[in-house]
């Protein structure tokens, strides 16, 4: 199974917390973060990054399209 990563550029403030937590999954471009690859193998670091994002700009979806991150 694979997951889909999305960063909402309207919400992202470029704090870099996601890139710091998972530098192979997220990168900073100018003032915003972006996923290095939108489709990844299941990786709990993606969920952790979505959880710690101060603006809740990162969404992680499973292969069925169900939102699994950020977690409550």
C-alpha atoms as a PDB file:
ATOM      1  CA  UNK A   1       0.000   0.000   0.000  1.00  0.00           C
ATOM      2  CA  UNK A   2       1.049   3.571  -0.518  1.00  0.00           C
ATOM      3  CA  UNK A   3       0.175   6.929   0.941  1.00  0.00           C
ATOM      4  CA  UNK A   4      -0.405  10.283  -0.728  1.00  0.00           C
ATOM      5  CA  UNK A   5       1.190  13.424   0.759  1.00  0.00           C
ATOM      6  CA  UNK A   6      -0.166  16.921   0.196  1.00  0.00           C
ATOM      7  CA  UNK A   7       0.983  20.280   1.548  1.00  0.00           C
ATOM      8  CA  UNK A   8      -1.578  23.096   1.368  1.00  0.00           C
ATOM      9  CA  UNK A   9       0.551  26.024   0.202  1.00  0.00           C
ATOM     10  CA  UNK A  10      -2.126  28.484   1.333  1.00  0.00           C
ATOM     11  CA  UNK A  11      -1.721  27.277   4.926  1.00  0.00           C
ATOM     12  CA  UNK A  12       2.005  26.455   4.980  1.00  0.00           C
ATOM     13  CA  UNK A  13       4.210  29.081   6.646  1.00  0.00           C
ATOM     14  CA  UNK A  14       7.494  27.326   5.831  1.00  0.00           C
ATOM     15  CA  UNK A  15       8.434  26.535   9.428  1.00  0.00           C
ATOM     16  CA  UNK A  16      10.545  23.615   8.212  1.00  0.00           C
ATOM     17  CA  UNK A  17       9.390  21.296  10.969  1.00  0.00           C
ATOM     18  CA  UNK A  18       8.313  18.661   8.435  1.00  0.00           C
ATOM     19  CA  UNK A  19      11.623  18.802   6.571  1.00  0.00           C
ATOM     20  CA  UNK A  20      13.479  18.579   9.865  1.00  0.00           C
ATOM     21  CA  UNK A  21      11.474  15.549  10.977  1.00  0.00           C
ATOM     22  CA  UNK A  22      11.576  13.744   7.614  1.00  0.00           C
ATOM     23  CA  UNK A  23      14.061  15.376   5.204  1.00  0.00           C
ATOM     24  CA  UNK A  24      13.682  12.613   2.641  1.00  0.00           C
ATOM     25  CA  UNK A  25       9.892  13.136   2.578  1.00  0.00           C
ATOM     26  CA  UNK A  26       9.600  16.959   2.701  1.00  0.00           C
ATOM     27  CA  UNK A  27      11.640  19.848   1.315  1.00  0.00           C
ATOM     28  CA  UNK A  28      11.428  23.629   1.582  1.00  0.00           C
ATOM     29  CA  UNK A  29      11.080  25.663  -1.611  1.00  0.00           C
ATOM     30  CA  UNK A  30      11.166  29.398  -1.076  1.00  0.00           C
ATOM     31  CA  UNK A  31       8.586  30.017   1.658  1.00  0.00           C
ATOM     32  CA  UNK A  32       6.690  26.713   1.548  1.00  0.00           C
ATOM     33  CA  UNK A  33       7.203  23.031   2.123  1.00  0.00           C
ATOM     34  CA  UNK A  34       6.455  20.390  -0.466  1.00  0.00           C
ATOM     35  CA  UNK A  35       6.531  16.615  -0.503  1.00  0.00           C
ATOM     36  CA  UNK A  36       9.647  15.219  -2.171  1.00  0.00           C
ATOM     37  CA  UNK A  37       7.325  12.584  -3.672  1.00  0.00           C
ATOM     38  CA  UNK A  38       3.555  12.777  -3.454  1.00  0.00           C
ATOM     39  CA  UNK A  39       3.192   8.988  -3.335  1.00  0.00           C
ATOM     40  CA  UNK A  40       5.218   7.134  -0.722  1.00  0.00           C
ATOM     41  CA  UNK A  41       5.293   3.750   0.916  1.00  0.00           C
ATOM     42  CA  UNK A  42       3.685   3.762   4.357  1.00  0.00           C
ATOM     43  CA  UNK A  43       5.990   5.766   6.622  1.00  0.00           C
ATOM     44  CA  UNK A  44       5.058   6.846  10.136  1.00  0.00           C
ATOM     45  CA  UNK A  45       7.370   9.858   9.807  1.00  0.00           C
ATOM     46  CA  UNK A  46       4.863  11.352   7.346  1.00  0.00           C
ATOM     47  CA  UNK A  47       2.166  11.093  10.020  1.00  0.00           C
ATOM     48  CA  UNK A  48       4.494  12.611  12.608  1.00  0.00           C
ATOM     49  CA  UNK A  49       5.279  15.510  10.255  1.00  0.00           C
ATOM     50  CA  UNK A  50       1.580  16.149   9.658  1.00  0.00           C
ATOM     51  CA  UNK A  51       0.971  16.057  13.415  1.00  0.00           C
ATOM     52  CA  UNK A  52       3.692  18.606  14.252  1.00  0.00           C
ATOM     53  CA  UNK A  53       2.934  21.061  11.451  1.00  0.00           C
ATOM     54  CA  UNK A  54       1.957  24.279  13.279  1.00  0.00           C
ATOM     55  CA  UNK A  55      -0.556  25.199  10.549  1.00  0.00           C
ATOM     56  CA  UNK A  56      -1.907  21.663   9.938  1.00  0.00           C
ATOM     57  CA  UNK A  57      -0.966  22.149   6.288  1.00  0.00           C
ATOM     58  CA  UNK A  58       0.077  18.533   5.650  1.00  0.00           C
ATOM     59  CA  UNK A  59      -2.481  15.901   4.726  1.00  0.00           C
ATOM     60  CA  UNK A  60      -1.658  12.202   4.520  1.00  0.00           C
ATOM     61  CA  UNK A  61      -4.132   9.900   2.747  1.00  0.00           C
ATOM     62  CA  UNK A  62      -4.072   6.131   2.500  1.00  0.00           C
ATOM     63  CA  UNK A  63      -4.395   4.185  -0.762  1.00  0.00           C
ATOM     64  CA  UNK A  64      -8.193   4.391  -0.521  1.00  0.00           C
ATOM     65  CA  UNK A  65      -8.104   8.201  -0.211  1.00  0.00           C
ATOM     66  CA  UNK A  66      -9.012   8.224   3.484  1.00  0.00           C
ATOM     67  CA  UNK A  67      -7.336  11.008   5.463  1.00  0.00           C
ATOM     68  CA  UNK A  68      -5.071   9.441   8.091  1.00  0.00           C
ATOM     69  CA  UNK A  69      -2.993  12.472   9.039  1.00  0.00           C
ATOM     70  CA  UNK A  70      -2.884  14.693  10.861  1.00  0.00           C
ATOM     71  CA  UNK A  71      -4.067  12.520  13.671  1.00  0.00           C
ATOM     72  CA  UNK A  72      -6.370  13.841  16.377  1.00  0.00           C
END
